[in-house]
Each structure stands twice: as structure tokens, then as C-alpha cells.
Amino acid sequence: MSTSKRYSPKVRQRVVRVVFDHEADYPSQWAAIGAIAPKIGCTPETLRSWVRQAERNAGCREGMTTSERELIKALERENRELKQTNEILRKASAYFAQAELDRRGK
């Protein structure tokens, strides 16, 4: 049974800074991550993903920054809502058009 721990953004930033500050003390960045992760109670893979995202945000690594991801999520949400609204309007239009045709026939 796994339990999900949520770390605050402040804690994440501090731990990532610790990795950047101490990676010179280890043979590789992965070794630094592997040594630091158990001290804060997360898996090395979790810490590695935080470090990679921090590198993307700083422009040191290719990929989407956090703000770009948030923008894309917001645009996808807006797109989904607009599609739902259009579908509702399309159905309402068909309903009222049919009602108008039925009224004219009488």
C-alpha cells in the first residue's frame, strides 16, 4: 500500500537547491539525488523529476516550463468548455428549428 506525500513548492525548491549546491560533492548528479532523497523522505525518482523541471524552468534543459504547462492546461480546459457550449447551442438550435417547422405546419 503506497501513500502519497505532498510536498509544498517551498520544500521542493529548497531540496532542489540543495541538490544543485552539493552535486559537486558527488561523482554525478544522480548520486547526489540518491543521497539526498532519503533524507527528506521521497524517492530518488521524485527528486530527479523536481530537479529536471527546475532545470527546464531555468532554461538549462529542453522542454516545457511550468508556466507553459499551466497555460496549455488552461487552454485545453477552455477549449473543452467551448466545445461543450457549442454542442448545447447546436442542440438547442435544432430543437427550436424543429419547433418552428411544427408550428408553421398547423
N, C-alpha and C. Protein backbone atom coordinates (compact mmCIF):
# COMPACT_ATOMS: atom_id res chain seq x y z
N MET A 1 0.85 -1.17 0.00
CA MET A 1 0.00 0.00 0.00
C MET A 1 0.90 1.24 0.00
N SER A 2 0.76 2.08 -1.02
CA SER A 2 1.59 3.27 -1.09
C SER A 2 0.79 4.47 -0.62
N THR A 3 1.47 5.35 0.05
CA THR A 3 0.83 6.58 0.48
C THR A 3 1.45 7.73 -0.28
N SER A 4 0.63 8.66 -0.67
CA SER A 4 1.10 9.80 -1.44
C SER A 4 1.40 10.96 -0.49
N LYS A 5 2.64 11.43 -0.54
CA LYS A 5 3.02 12.59 0.27
C LYS A 5 3.04 13.80 -0.65
N ARG A 6 2.50 14.89 -0.18
CA ARG A 6 2.53 16.13 -0.93
C ARG A 6 3.55 17.05 -0.29
N TYR A 7 4.47 17.52 -1.09
CA TYR A 7 5.47 18.45 -0.60
C TYR A 7 5.13 19.84 -1.11
N SER A 8 5.26 20.82 -0.27
CA SER A 8 4.95 22.20 -0.67
C SER A 8 5.99 22.66 -1.70
N PRO A 9 5.59 23.61 -2.54
CA PRO A 9 6.56 24.14 -3.52
C PRO A 9 7.81 24.72 -2.86
N LYS A 10 7.64 25.28 -1.68
CA LYS A 10 8.79 25.85 -0.97
C LYS A 10 9.79 24.75 -0.59
N VAL A 11 9.28 23.63 -0.11
CA VAL A 11 10.14 22.50 0.25
C VAL A 11 10.84 21.96 -0.99
N ARG A 12 10.08 21.83 -2.07
CA ARG A 12 10.67 21.33 -3.32
C ARG A 12 11.81 22.24 -3.78
N GLN A 13 11.58 23.54 -3.75
CA GLN A 13 12.62 24.48 -4.18
C GLN A 13 13.87 24.36 -3.32
N ARG A 14 13.67 24.24 -2.02
CA ARG A 14 14.81 24.13 -1.11
C ARG A 14 15.62 22.87 -1.37
N VAL A 15 14.91 21.75 -1.56
CA VAL A 15 15.61 20.47 -1.78
C VAL A 15 16.34 20.50 -3.12
N VAL A 16 15.72 21.06 -4.15
CA VAL A 16 16.37 21.16 -5.45
C VAL A 16 17.63 22.03 -5.34
N ARG A 17 17.53 23.12 -4.59
CA ARG A 17 18.69 23.98 -4.37
C ARG A 17 19.81 23.21 -3.67
N VAL A 18 19.43 22.35 -2.70
CA VAL A 18 20.43 21.53 -2.00
C VAL A 18 21.13 20.61 -3.00
N VAL A 19 20.36 20.02 -3.92
CA VAL A 19 20.96 19.13 -4.92
C VAL A 19 21.95 19.92 -5.77
N PHE A 20 21.54 21.09 -6.26
CA PHE A 20 22.44 21.91 -7.09
C PHE A 20 23.69 22.34 -6.32
N ASP A 21 23.51 22.68 -5.05
CA ASP A 21 24.64 23.14 -4.24
C ASP A 21 25.63 22.02 -3.93
N HIS A 22 25.14 20.79 -3.80
CA HIS A 22 26.01 19.69 -3.35
C HIS A 22 26.34 18.68 -4.43
N GLU A 23 25.91 18.91 -5.67
CA GLU A 23 26.19 17.90 -6.69
C GLU A 23 27.68 17.82 -7.01
N ALA A 24 28.45 18.86 -6.74
CA ALA A 24 29.90 18.82 -6.96
C ALA A 24 30.58 17.88 -5.96
N ASP A 25 29.92 17.60 -4.85
CA ASP A 25 30.49 16.71 -3.83
C ASP A 25 30.33 15.24 -4.20
N TYR A 26 29.58 14.95 -5.25
CA TYR A 26 29.28 13.58 -5.65
C TYR A 26 29.79 13.35 -7.07
N PRO A 27 29.99 12.08 -7.44
CA PRO A 27 30.50 11.81 -8.79
C PRO A 27 29.52 12.19 -9.92
N SER A 28 28.25 12.21 -9.60
CA SER A 28 27.25 12.57 -10.62
C SER A 28 26.04 13.21 -9.93
N GLN A 29 25.22 13.85 -10.74
CA GLN A 29 24.00 14.46 -10.19
C GLN A 29 23.09 13.37 -9.63
N TRP A 30 23.02 12.23 -10.31
CA TRP A 30 22.19 11.13 -9.84
C TRP A 30 22.64 10.63 -8.47
N ALA A 31 23.96 10.59 -8.25
CA ALA A 31 24.48 10.17 -6.95
C ALA A 31 24.07 11.16 -5.86
N ALA A 32 24.10 12.44 -6.19
CA ALA A 32 23.67 13.46 -5.22
C ALA A 32 22.18 13.29 -4.92
N ILE A 33 21.40 13.08 -5.96
CA ILE A 33 19.95 12.88 -5.78
C ILE A 33 19.69 11.65 -4.93
N GLY A 34 20.41 10.56 -5.23
CA GLY A 34 20.24 9.32 -4.48
C GLY A 34 20.60 9.46 -3.01
N ALA A 35 21.55 10.33 -2.70
CA ALA A 35 21.95 10.53 -1.31
C ALA A 35 21.00 11.49 -0.57
N ILE A 36 20.46 12.47 -1.27
CA ILE A 36 19.64 13.50 -0.63
C ILE A 36 18.18 13.07 -0.48
N ALA A 37 17.66 12.33 -1.44
CA ALA A 37 16.24 11.95 -1.43
C ALA A 37 15.80 11.24 -0.15
N PRO A 38 16.53 10.24 0.33
CA PRO A 38 16.08 9.56 1.57
C PRO A 38 16.05 10.48 2.79
N LYS A 39 16.87 11.51 2.77
CA LYS A 39 16.92 12.43 3.91
C LYS A 39 15.64 13.25 4.05
N ILE A 40 14.95 13.47 2.92
CA ILE A 40 13.69 14.22 3.00
C ILE A 40 12.48 13.30 2.93
N GLY A 41 12.71 12.02 2.69
CA GLY A 41 11.61 11.06 2.71
C GLY A 41 10.90 10.89 1.38
N CYS A 42 11.58 11.15 0.28
CA CYS A 42 10.97 10.90 -1.03
C CYS A 42 11.86 9.94 -1.81
N THR A 43 11.36 9.45 -2.92
CA THR A 43 12.15 8.55 -3.74
C THR A 43 13.13 9.36 -4.60
N PRO A 44 14.24 8.76 -4.97
CA PRO A 44 15.18 9.46 -5.84
C PRO A 44 14.54 9.88 -7.17
N GLU A 45 13.64 9.07 -7.69
CA GLU A 45 12.99 9.41 -8.96
C GLU A 45 12.12 10.66 -8.82
N THR A 46 11.45 10.80 -7.70
CA THR A 46 10.65 12.00 -7.46
C THR A 46 11.53 13.24 -7.41
N LEU A 47 12.62 13.14 -6.68
CA LEU A 47 13.54 14.27 -6.59
C LEU A 47 14.17 14.56 -7.94
N ARG A 48 14.49 13.53 -8.70
CA ARG A 48 15.06 13.72 -10.03
C ARG A 48 14.10 14.50 -10.92
N SER A 49 12.80 14.18 -10.84
CA SER A 49 11.82 14.90 -11.67
C SER A 49 11.72 16.36 -11.25
N TRP A 50 11.84 16.64 -9.96
CA TRP A 50 11.83 18.03 -9.49
C TRP A 50 13.05 18.78 -10.02
N VAL A 51 14.21 18.12 -9.98
CA VAL A 51 15.44 18.75 -10.46
C VAL A 51 15.34 19.02 -11.96
N ARG A 52 14.84 18.05 -12.72
CA ARG A 52 14.71 18.23 -14.18
C ARG A 52 13.75 19.38 -14.50
N GLN A 53 12.65 19.49 -13.77
CA GLN A 53 11.71 20.57 -14.02
C GLN A 53 12.34 21.92 -13.66
N ALA A 54 13.11 21.96 -12.58
CA ALA A 54 13.81 23.20 -12.21
C ALA A 54 14.81 23.59 -13.29
N GLU A 55 15.48 22.61 -13.88
CA GLU A 55 16.42 22.89 -14.97
C GLU A 55 15.69 23.43 -16.20
N ARG A 56 14.51 22.87 -16.50
CA ARG A 56 13.70 23.37 -17.63
C ARG A 56 13.26 24.81 -17.37
N ASN A 57 12.79 25.06 -16.15
CA ASN A 57 12.34 26.42 -15.79
C ASN A 57 13.47 27.44 -15.88
N ALA A 58 14.69 27.00 -15.59
CA ALA A 58 15.84 27.89 -15.63
C ALA A 58 16.40 28.04 -17.05
N GLY A 59 15.91 27.24 -17.99
CA GLY A 59 16.39 27.30 -19.36
C GLY A 59 17.63 26.48 -19.62
N CYS A 60 18.01 25.64 -18.67
CA CYS A 60 19.21 24.80 -18.82
C CYS A 60 18.92 23.50 -19.54
N ARG A 61 17.66 23.18 -19.73
CA ARG A 61 17.27 21.90 -20.33
C ARG A 61 16.08 22.15 -21.25
N GLU A 62 16.02 21.36 -22.33
CA GLU A 62 14.92 21.46 -23.28
C GLU A 62 13.63 20.96 -22.64
N GLY A 63 12.52 21.52 -23.06
CA GLY A 63 11.22 21.08 -22.58
C GLY A 63 10.36 22.24 -22.14
N MET A 64 9.13 21.90 -21.76
CA MET A 64 8.16 22.92 -21.35
C MET A 64 8.42 23.35 -19.91
N THR A 65 8.33 24.65 -19.70
CA THR A 65 8.46 25.17 -18.34
C THR A 65 7.13 24.97 -17.62
N THR A 66 7.15 25.19 -16.33
CA THR A 66 5.94 25.05 -15.52
C THR A 66 4.86 26.01 -15.99
N SER A 67 5.23 27.25 -16.29
CA SER A 67 4.23 28.23 -16.73
C SER A 67 3.64 27.84 -18.08
N GLU A 68 4.44 27.28 -18.96
CA GLU A 68 3.92 26.81 -20.26
C GLU A 68 2.94 25.66 -20.07
N ARG A 69 3.28 24.75 -19.17
CA ARG A 69 2.36 23.64 -18.89
C ARG A 69 1.02 24.13 -18.34
N GLU A 70 1.09 25.10 -17.41
CA GLU A 70 -0.13 25.64 -16.83
C GLU A 70 -0.98 26.35 -17.90
N LEU A 71 -0.31 27.07 -18.80
CA LEU A 71 -1.03 27.75 -19.88
C LEU A 71 -1.71 26.75 -20.80
N ILE A 72 -1.02 25.69 -21.16
CA ILE A 72 -1.61 24.66 -22.02
C ILE A 72 -2.80 24.00 -21.34
N LYS A 73 -2.68 23.70 -20.04
CA LYS A 73 -3.81 23.10 -19.31
C LYS A 73 -5.01 24.04 -19.31
N ALA A 74 -4.76 25.33 -19.10
CA ALA A 74 -5.86 26.30 -19.08
C ALA A 74 -6.51 26.41 -20.45
N LEU A 75 -5.71 26.41 -21.50
CA LEU A 75 -6.26 26.50 -22.86
C LEU A 75 -7.04 25.23 -23.23
N GLU A 76 -6.54 24.08 -22.81
CA GLU A 76 -7.27 22.83 -23.06
C GLU A 76 -8.61 22.82 -22.33
N ARG A 77 -8.61 23.33 -21.08
CA ARG A 77 -9.84 23.40 -20.31
C ARG A 77 -10.84 24.34 -20.99
N GLU A 78 -10.36 25.50 -21.44
CA GLU A 78 -11.22 26.46 -22.12
C GLU A 78 -11.76 25.88 -23.43
N ASN A 79 -10.91 25.18 -24.15
CA ASN A 79 -11.33 24.55 -25.40
C ASN A 79 -12.42 23.51 -25.15
N ARG A 80 -12.25 22.72 -24.11
CA ARG A 80 -13.25 21.70 -23.75
C ARG A 80 -14.59 22.36 -23.40
N GLU A 81 -14.54 23.44 -22.62
CA GLU A 81 -15.77 24.14 -22.23
C GLU A 81 -16.45 24.76 -23.45
N LEU A 82 -15.68 25.31 -24.37
CA LEU A 82 -16.26 25.90 -25.58
C LEU A 82 -16.90 24.83 -26.46
N LYS A 83 -16.28 23.68 -26.55
CA LYS A 83 -16.87 22.58 -27.33
C LYS A 83 -18.20 22.15 -26.71
N GLN A 84 -18.25 22.06 -25.39
CA GLN A 84 -19.50 21.68 -24.71
C GLN A 84 -20.57 22.74 -24.95
N THR A 85 -20.20 24.01 -24.87
CA THR A 85 -21.15 25.10 -25.11
C THR A 85 -21.67 25.06 -26.53
N ASN A 86 -20.78 24.84 -27.50
CA ASN A 86 -21.21 24.75 -28.90
C ASN A 86 -22.17 23.58 -29.12
N GLU A 87 -21.91 22.46 -28.46
CA GLU A 87 -22.80 21.31 -28.61
C GLU A 87 -24.18 21.62 -28.04
N ILE A 88 -24.22 22.29 -26.91
CA ILE A 88 -25.50 22.68 -26.30
C ILE A 88 -26.24 23.63 -27.23
N LEU A 89 -25.54 24.61 -27.77
CA LEU A 89 -26.18 25.57 -28.69
C LEU A 89 -26.66 24.89 -29.97
N ARG A 90 -25.89 23.95 -30.47
CA ARG A 90 -26.29 23.21 -31.67
C ARG A 90 -27.58 22.44 -31.42
N LYS A 91 -27.66 21.77 -30.28
CA LYS A 91 -28.86 21.00 -29.96
C LYS A 91 -30.06 21.91 -29.73
N ALA A 92 -29.85 23.04 -29.06
CA ALA A 92 -30.93 23.99 -28.82
C ALA A 92 -31.43 24.57 -30.14
N SER A 93 -30.52 24.88 -31.03
CA SER A 93 -30.89 25.42 -32.34
C SER A 93 -31.73 24.41 -33.12
N ALA A 94 -31.32 23.16 -33.12
CA ALA A 94 -32.08 22.12 -33.82
C ALA A 94 -33.46 21.95 -33.20
N TYR A 95 -33.53 22.01 -31.88
CA TYR A 95 -34.81 21.87 -31.19
C TYR A 95 -35.77 23.00 -31.57
N PHE A 96 -35.27 24.24 -31.51
CA PHE A 96 -36.14 25.38 -31.82
C PHE A 96 -36.48 25.45 -33.30
N ALA A 97 -35.57 25.01 -34.17
CA ALA A 97 -35.88 24.97 -35.60
C ALA A 97 -36.99 23.97 -35.86
N GLN A 98 -36.93 22.83 -35.21
CA GLN A 98 -37.98 21.82 -35.38
C GLN A 98 -39.31 22.33 -34.83
N ALA A 99 -39.27 23.03 -33.70
CA ALA A 99 -40.50 23.59 -33.12
C ALA A 99 -41.10 24.62 -34.07
N GLU A 100 -40.27 25.41 -34.72
CA GLU A 100 -40.75 26.42 -35.67
C GLU A 100 -41.40 25.74 -36.88
N LEU A 101 -40.80 24.67 -37.37
CA LEU A 101 -41.36 23.93 -38.50
C LEU A 101 -42.70 23.31 -38.12
N ASP A 102 -42.79 22.76 -36.91
CA ASP A 102 -44.05 22.16 -36.45
C ASP A 102 -45.14 23.23 -36.32
N ARG A 103 -44.80 24.40 -35.87
CA ARG A 103 -45.77 25.48 -35.69
C ARG A 103 -46.29 25.97 -37.06
N ARG A 104 -45.43 26.08 -38.03
CA ARG A 104 -45.82 26.54 -39.37
C ARG A 104 -46.74 25.53 -40.06
N GLY A 105 -46.57 24.28 -39.74
CA GLY A 105 -47.36 23.25 -40.39
C GLY A 105 -48.82 23.26 -39.97
N LYS A 106 -49.15 23.87 -38.87
CA LYS A 106 -50.52 23.84 -38.35
C LYS A 106 -51.38 24.88 -38.96
